């Protein structure tokens, strides 16, 4: 049974204080390193124009590329070196939706679940999400991308604004677990037909709302090096344990631990060789 992880791979510019570096990014990319160690039977499906980005994944043979005419580009700017909870983001807002026709011939025969990682509102049209629901397997979805719209243009890119929209309720209806942060939770409110919400809040920890609310403390880091992709890492780690043990609390505590390990190193989570 294969866990299918779907979402864009990106070209990122990370700015920390005065230092700049170009990196591969995107939630699916960061998550693949977690799945490589803790849930080896996975398939990553990415949409982009630059297929060379796949070479940076931990196992390129576990990646399928939906070839598009553009690639997501993000600038992640951390203006204060001692405050990694504060981030300024810019994006080119590539309009490269993942369509049902893109997926029909590349999905595996036996699917354990789907992990959906939209990076902007264009990535997962409603009909694509409905198609994935028809497989009747668990769906884990990141919410942030669904809320993202371009705001102010800065050179060739745009600042990002977050906005709810009427169709989101239908898109999320029937999704098993959604992942979001506290600001995004305030935007979408409470009235959504999902079994579970996992809400992160950076260094302040996280909480899981299901039959009850469980608060998860953030694991202490030896040194904060790089927080880009931390939420994506947390999500992947949570999914691995939720599928294995079915416990929200165990999954949350494990995810917090793995996310803290990612923060202590630059780039994605460092799995064991």
Protein backbone atom coordinates (compact mmCIF):
# COMPACT_ATOMS: atom_id res chain seq x y z
CA UNK A 1 0.00 0.00 0.00
CA UNK A 2 1.56 3.27 -1.15
CA UNK A 3 1.18 6.68 0.48
CA UNK A 4 0.81 9.22 -2.34
CA UNK A 5 2.18 12.72 -1.66
CA UNK A 6 1.15 15.36 -4.18
CA UNK A 7 2.21 18.99 -4.62
CA UNK A 8 4.67 21.31 -6.34
CA UNK A 9 8.42 21.19 -6.06
CA UNK A 10 9.83 24.71 -5.98
CA UNK A 11 12.91 26.79 -6.60
CA UNK A 12 13.45 28.77 -3.38
CA UNK A 13 15.59 31.72 -2.41
CA UNK A 14 16.20 31.68 1.35
CA UNK A 15 17.39 34.94 2.92
CA UNK A 16 18.54 34.90 6.55
CA UNK A 17 19.79 38.29 7.61
CA UNK A 18 22.40 39.15 4.97
CA UNK A 19 22.94 35.60 3.72
CA UNK A 20 21.20 34.25 0.60
CA UNK A 21 21.01 30.71 -0.74
CA UNK A 22 19.11 29.01 -3.56
CA UNK A 23 17.43 25.75 -2.59
CA UNK A 24 14.90 23.18 -3.72
CA UNK A 25 11.68 23.56 -1.80
CA UNK A 26 8.00 22.79 -1.55
CA UNK A 27 6.13 20.78 1.06
CA UNK A 28 6.30 17.55 -0.95
CA UNK A 29 10.09 17.89 -1.19
CA UNK A 30 10.60 18.45 2.53
CA UNK A 31 8.16 15.68 3.43
CA UNK A 32 9.85 13.12 1.19
CA UNK A 33 12.87 13.07 3.51
CA UNK A 34 10.66 12.19 6.46
CA UNK A 35 8.79 9.50 4.56
CA UNK A 36 12.07 8.07 3.28
CA UNK A 37 13.03 7.20 6.85
CA UNK A 38 9.71 6.54 8.56
CA UNK A 39 7.28 5.41 5.82
CA UNK A 40 9.29 3.99 2.97
CA UNK A 41 6.39 2.96 0.72
CA UNK A 42 5.50 6.39 -0.68
CA UNK A 43 5.25 8.08 -4.05
CA UNK A 44 5.84 11.82 -4.54
CA UNK A 45 4.00 13.46 -7.45
CA UNK A 46 5.18 16.98 -8.31
CA UNK A 47 4.16 19.58 -10.88
CA UNK A 48 6.88 21.79 -12.38
CA UNK A 49 8.71 22.72 -15.58
CA UNK A 50 12.24 22.09 -14.26
CA UNK A 51 12.60 18.31 -13.98
CA UNK A 52 16.16 18.66 -12.66
CA UNK A 53 14.68 19.63 -9.29
CA UNK A 54 13.74 15.98 -8.78
CA UNK A 55 17.44 15.12 -8.51
CA UNK A 56 17.43 16.69 -5.04
CA UNK A 57 14.88 14.26 -3.62
CA UNK A 58 16.17 11.46 -1.36
CA UNK A 59 14.96 8.80 -3.84
CA UNK A 60 14.34 10.14 -7.33
CA UNK A 61 12.84 6.79 -8.39
CA UNK A 62 9.96 7.51 -5.99
CA UNK A 63 9.07 10.76 -7.76
CA UNK A 64 6.77 11.29 -10.73
CA UNK A 65 6.77 14.63 -12.54
CA UNK A 66 3.68 16.26 -14.01
CA UNK A 67 5.37 18.40 -16.65
CA UNK A 68 4.04 21.96 -16.71
CA UNK A 69 5.12 25.20 -18.37
CA UNK A 70 6.23 26.92 -15.16
CA UNK A 71 7.75 26.20 -11.74
CA UNK A 72 6.81 27.69 -8.39
CA UNK A 73 9.37 30.21 -7.11
CA UNK A 74 9.42 31.42 -3.51
CA UNK A 75 11.51 33.91 -1.60
CA UNK A 76 11.61 33.12 2.13
CA UNK A 77 13.06 36.10 3.94
CA UNK A 78 13.89 35.94 7.65
CA UNK A 79 14.86 39.54 8.44
CA UNK A 80 15.84 38.83 12.06
CA UNK A 81 18.46 36.14 12.54
CA UNK A 82 17.35 35.49 16.14
CA UNK A 83 13.62 35.29 15.30
CA UNK A 84 12.74 32.48 12.88
CA UNK A 85 9.00 32.70 13.61
CA UNK A 86 8.98 35.93 11.58
CA UNK A 87 9.09 35.35 7.81
CA UNK A 88 8.38 37.45 4.75
CA UNK A 89 7.34 35.47 1.66
CA UNK A 90 7.12 36.33 -2.01
CA UNK A 91 6.07 34.09 -4.90
CA UNK A 92 5.65 34.11 -8.66
CA UNK A 93 2.24 32.41 -8.15
CA UNK A 94 2.73 29.89 -10.94
CA UNK A 95 -0.65 28.85 -12.37
CA UNK A 96 0.05 25.16 -13.02
CA UNK A 97 -2.95 23.21 -11.68
CA UNK A 98 -2.83 19.48 -11.04
CA UNK A 99 -5.66 18.04 -13.12
CA UNK A 100 -7.47 14.71 -12.94
CA UNK A 101 -6.01 13.85 -16.34
CA UNK A 102 -2.51 14.42 -14.94
CA UNK A 103 -3.03 11.78 -12.25
CA UNK A 104 -5.05 9.04 -13.92
CA UNK A 105 -2.12 7.18 -15.46
CA UNK A 106 0.49 7.61 -12.70
CA UNK A 107 -1.30 6.68 -9.48
CA UNK A 108 -0.30 3.30 -8.02
CA UNK A 109 -2.77 0.42 -7.90
CA UNK A 110 -2.91 0.11 -4.10
CA UNK A 111 -3.10 3.44 -2.26
CA UNK A 112 -2.84 3.82 1.51
CA UNK A 113 -3.72 7.51 1.56
CA UNK A 114 -3.12 10.92 -0.01
CA UNK A 115 -1.12 13.87 1.33
CA UNK A 116 -2.10 17.09 -0.46
CA UNK A 117 0.31 20.03 -0.47
CA UNK A 118 -1.06 23.01 -2.44
CA UNK A 119 1.23 26.04 -2.48
CA UNK A 120 -1.33 28.42 -3.93
CA UNK A 121 -5.03 28.37 -4.77
CA UNK A 122 -4.41 27.23 -8.34
CA UNK A 123 -2.70 23.92 -7.51
CA UNK A 124 -5.65 21.68 -6.61
CA UNK A 125 -8.92 22.45 -8.43
CA UNK A 126 -12.05 21.21 -6.66
CA UNK A 127 -12.61 18.48 -9.25
CA UNK A 128 -9.11 17.07 -8.57
CA UNK A 129 -9.78 16.82 -4.84
CA UNK A 130 -13.16 15.17 -5.53
CA UNK A 131 -11.42 12.63 -7.75
CA UNK A 132 -8.97 11.76 -4.96
CA UNK A 133 -11.84 11.39 -2.47
CA UNK A 134 -13.35 8.74 -4.73
CA UNK A 135 -10.53 6.33 -3.76
CA UNK A 136 -12.01 6.18 -0.24
CA UNK A 137 -8.66 6.31 1.55
CA UNK A 138 -7.47 8.77 4.22
CA UNK A 139 -6.69 12.28 2.91
CA UNK A 140 -4.32 14.60 4.79
CA UNK A 141 -4.31 18.16 3.47
CA UNK A 142 -2.29 21.29 4.14
CA UNK A 143 -4.56 24.34 4.09
CA UNK A 144 -2.12 27.20 3.60
CA UNK A 145 -1.87 26.96 -0.19
CA UNK A 146 -5.65 27.00 -0.64
CA UNK A 147 -5.75 30.39 1.11
CA UNK A 148 -2.86 32.03 -0.78
CA UNK A 149 -3.50 34.77 -3.33
CA UNK A 150 -1.09 37.31 -4.91
CA UNK A 151 -1.16 40.72 -3.26
CA UNK A 152 1.38 43.48 -4.00
CA UNK A 153 3.77 42.99 -6.92
CA UNK A 154 7.44 43.36 -6.01
CA UNK A 155 9.64 43.15 -9.10
CA UNK A 156 8.58 39.90 -10.83
CA UNK A 157 6.99 38.36 -7.73
CA UNK A 158 4.13 39.08 -5.36
CA UNK A 159 3.61 39.34 -1.66
CA UNK A 160 1.14 36.80 -0.32
CA UNK A 161 -2.26 37.43 1.18
CA UNK A 162 -4.45 34.81 2.81
CA UNK A 163 -8.18 34.74 2.13
CA UNK A 164 -11.00 32.27 2.68
CA UNK A 165 -13.36 31.46 -0.19
CA UNK A 166 -16.77 29.86 -0.44
CA UNK A 167 -15.69 26.76 -2.37
CA UNK A 168 -13.17 25.74 0.32
CA UNK A 169 -15.88 24.23 2.50
CA UNK A 170 -16.81 21.79 -0.26
CA UNK A 171 -13.19 21.02 -1.10
CA UNK A 172 -12.42 20.09 2.51
CA UNK A 173 -15.66 18.21 3.16
CA UNK A 174 -14.70 14.58 3.67
CA UNK A 175 -10.98 15.25 4.08
CA UNK A 176 -9.79 13.34 7.13
CA UNK A 177 -7.10 15.63 8.59
CA UNK A 178 -6.21 19.23 7.79
CA UNK A 179 -3.01 21.01 8.80
CA UNK A 180 -2.80 24.78 9.32
CA UNK A 181 -1.33 27.39 11.63
CA UNK A 182 -3.10 29.62 14.14
CA UNK A 183 -3.48 32.55 11.72
CA UNK A 184 -5.00 30.27 9.08
CA UNK A 185 -7.33 28.76 11.69
CA UNK A 186 -8.63 32.25 12.44
CA UNK A 187 -9.30 32.78 8.73
CA UNK A 188 -11.29 29.60 8.08
CA UNK A 189 -13.10 29.39 11.42
CA UNK A 190 -14.62 26.22 12.88
CA UNK A 191 -17.44 25.06 10.62
CA UNK A 192 -15.68 22.45 8.49
CA UNK A 193 -16.61 18.80 7.98
CA UNK A 194 -13.25 17.25 8.85
CA UNK A 195 -12.41 14.69 11.49
CA UNK A 196 -9.26 16.36 12.73
CA UNK A 197 -7.44 19.70 12.70
CA UNK A 198 -3.72 19.91 13.44
CA UNK A 199 -2.78 23.50 14.25
CA UNK A 200 0.85 24.59 14.53
CA UNK A 201 2.21 27.72 16.16
CA UNK A 202 5.96 27.74 15.61
CA UNK A 203 8.02 27.78 18.80
CA UNK A 204 4.79 27.89 20.84
CA UNK A 205 3.96 24.30 19.95
CA UNK A 206 0.85 22.83 18.37
CA UNK A 207 -2.59 21.48 19.15
CA UNK A 208 -4.81 18.79 17.72
CA UNK A 209 -8.58 19.20 17.64
CA UNK A 210 -10.49 15.96 17.15
CA UNK A 211 -12.91 14.46 19.70
CA UNK A 212 -11.10 16.67 22.20
CA UNK A 213 -8.24 19.17 22.08
CA UNK A 214 -4.69 18.02 22.74
CA UNK A 215 -1.89 20.52 23.29
CA UNK A 216 1.62 19.56 22.15
CA UNK A 217 4.66 21.44 23.46
CA UNK A 218 7.39 22.38 21.02
CA UNK A 219 10.54 20.31 21.46
CA UNK A 220 13.50 22.36 22.58
CA UNK A 221 16.13 22.85 19.88
CA UNK A 222 19.83 22.80 20.57
CA UNK A 223 20.27 25.55 17.95
CA UNK A 224 17.82 27.17 15.55
CA UNK A 225 19.46 26.99 12.11
CA UNK A 226 16.72 26.88 9.45
CA UNK A 227 12.93 26.89 9.96
CA UNK A 228 11.97 26.75 6.26
CA UNK A 229 9.98 23.56 5.75
CA UNK A 230 9.46 22.99 9.47
CA UNK A 231 5.66 22.84 9.19
CA UNK A 232 5.91 20.49 6.21
CA UNK A 233 8.26 18.23 8.19
CA UNK A 234 5.88 18.26 11.16
CA UNK A 235 2.97 17.28 8.89
CA UNK A 236 4.81 14.35 7.33
CA UNK A 237 5.98 13.04 10.69
CA UNK A 238 2.45 13.32 12.06
CA UNK A 239 1.03 11.39 9.10
CA UNK A 240 3.51 8.52 9.52
CA UNK A 241 2.55 7.93 13.13
CA UNK A 242 -1.17 8.54 12.69
CA UNK A 243 -1.29 5.86 9.99
CA UNK A 244 0.75 3.48 12.14
CA UNK A 245 -0.67 3.99 15.64
CA UNK A 246 -3.93 5.94 15.15
CA UNK A 247 -3.13 8.18 18.15
CA UNK A 248 -3.32 11.97 17.73
CA UNK A 249 -1.24 12.61 20.84
CA UNK A 250 1.56 10.20 19.95
CA UNK A 251 1.59 11.52 16.38
CA UNK A 252 1.77 15.13 17.59
CA UNK A 253 4.60 14.52 20.02
CA UNK A 254 6.58 12.58 17.44
CA UNK A 255 6.00 15.31 14.84
CA UNK A 256 7.21 17.97 17.27
CA UNK A 257 10.39 15.99 17.89
CA UNK A 258 11.16 15.46 14.20
CA UNK A 259 10.40 19.11 13.35
CA UNK A 260 12.86 20.25 16.02
CA UNK A 261 15.56 18.02 14.54
CA UNK A 262 14.93 19.55 11.11
CA UNK A 263 15.30 23.07 12.54
CA UNK A 264 18.77 22.23 13.85
CA UNK A 265 20.08 21.67 10.30
CA UNK A 266 19.95 23.69 7.10
CA UNK A 267 17.70 22.16 4.46
CA UNK A 268 15.37 19.16 4.84
CA UNK A 269 15.23 16.68 7.69
CA UNK A 270 18.43 14.60 7.77
CA UNK A 271 17.38 10.98 7.58
CA UNK A 272 19.73 8.15 8.48
CA UNK A 273 21.88 6.89 5.62
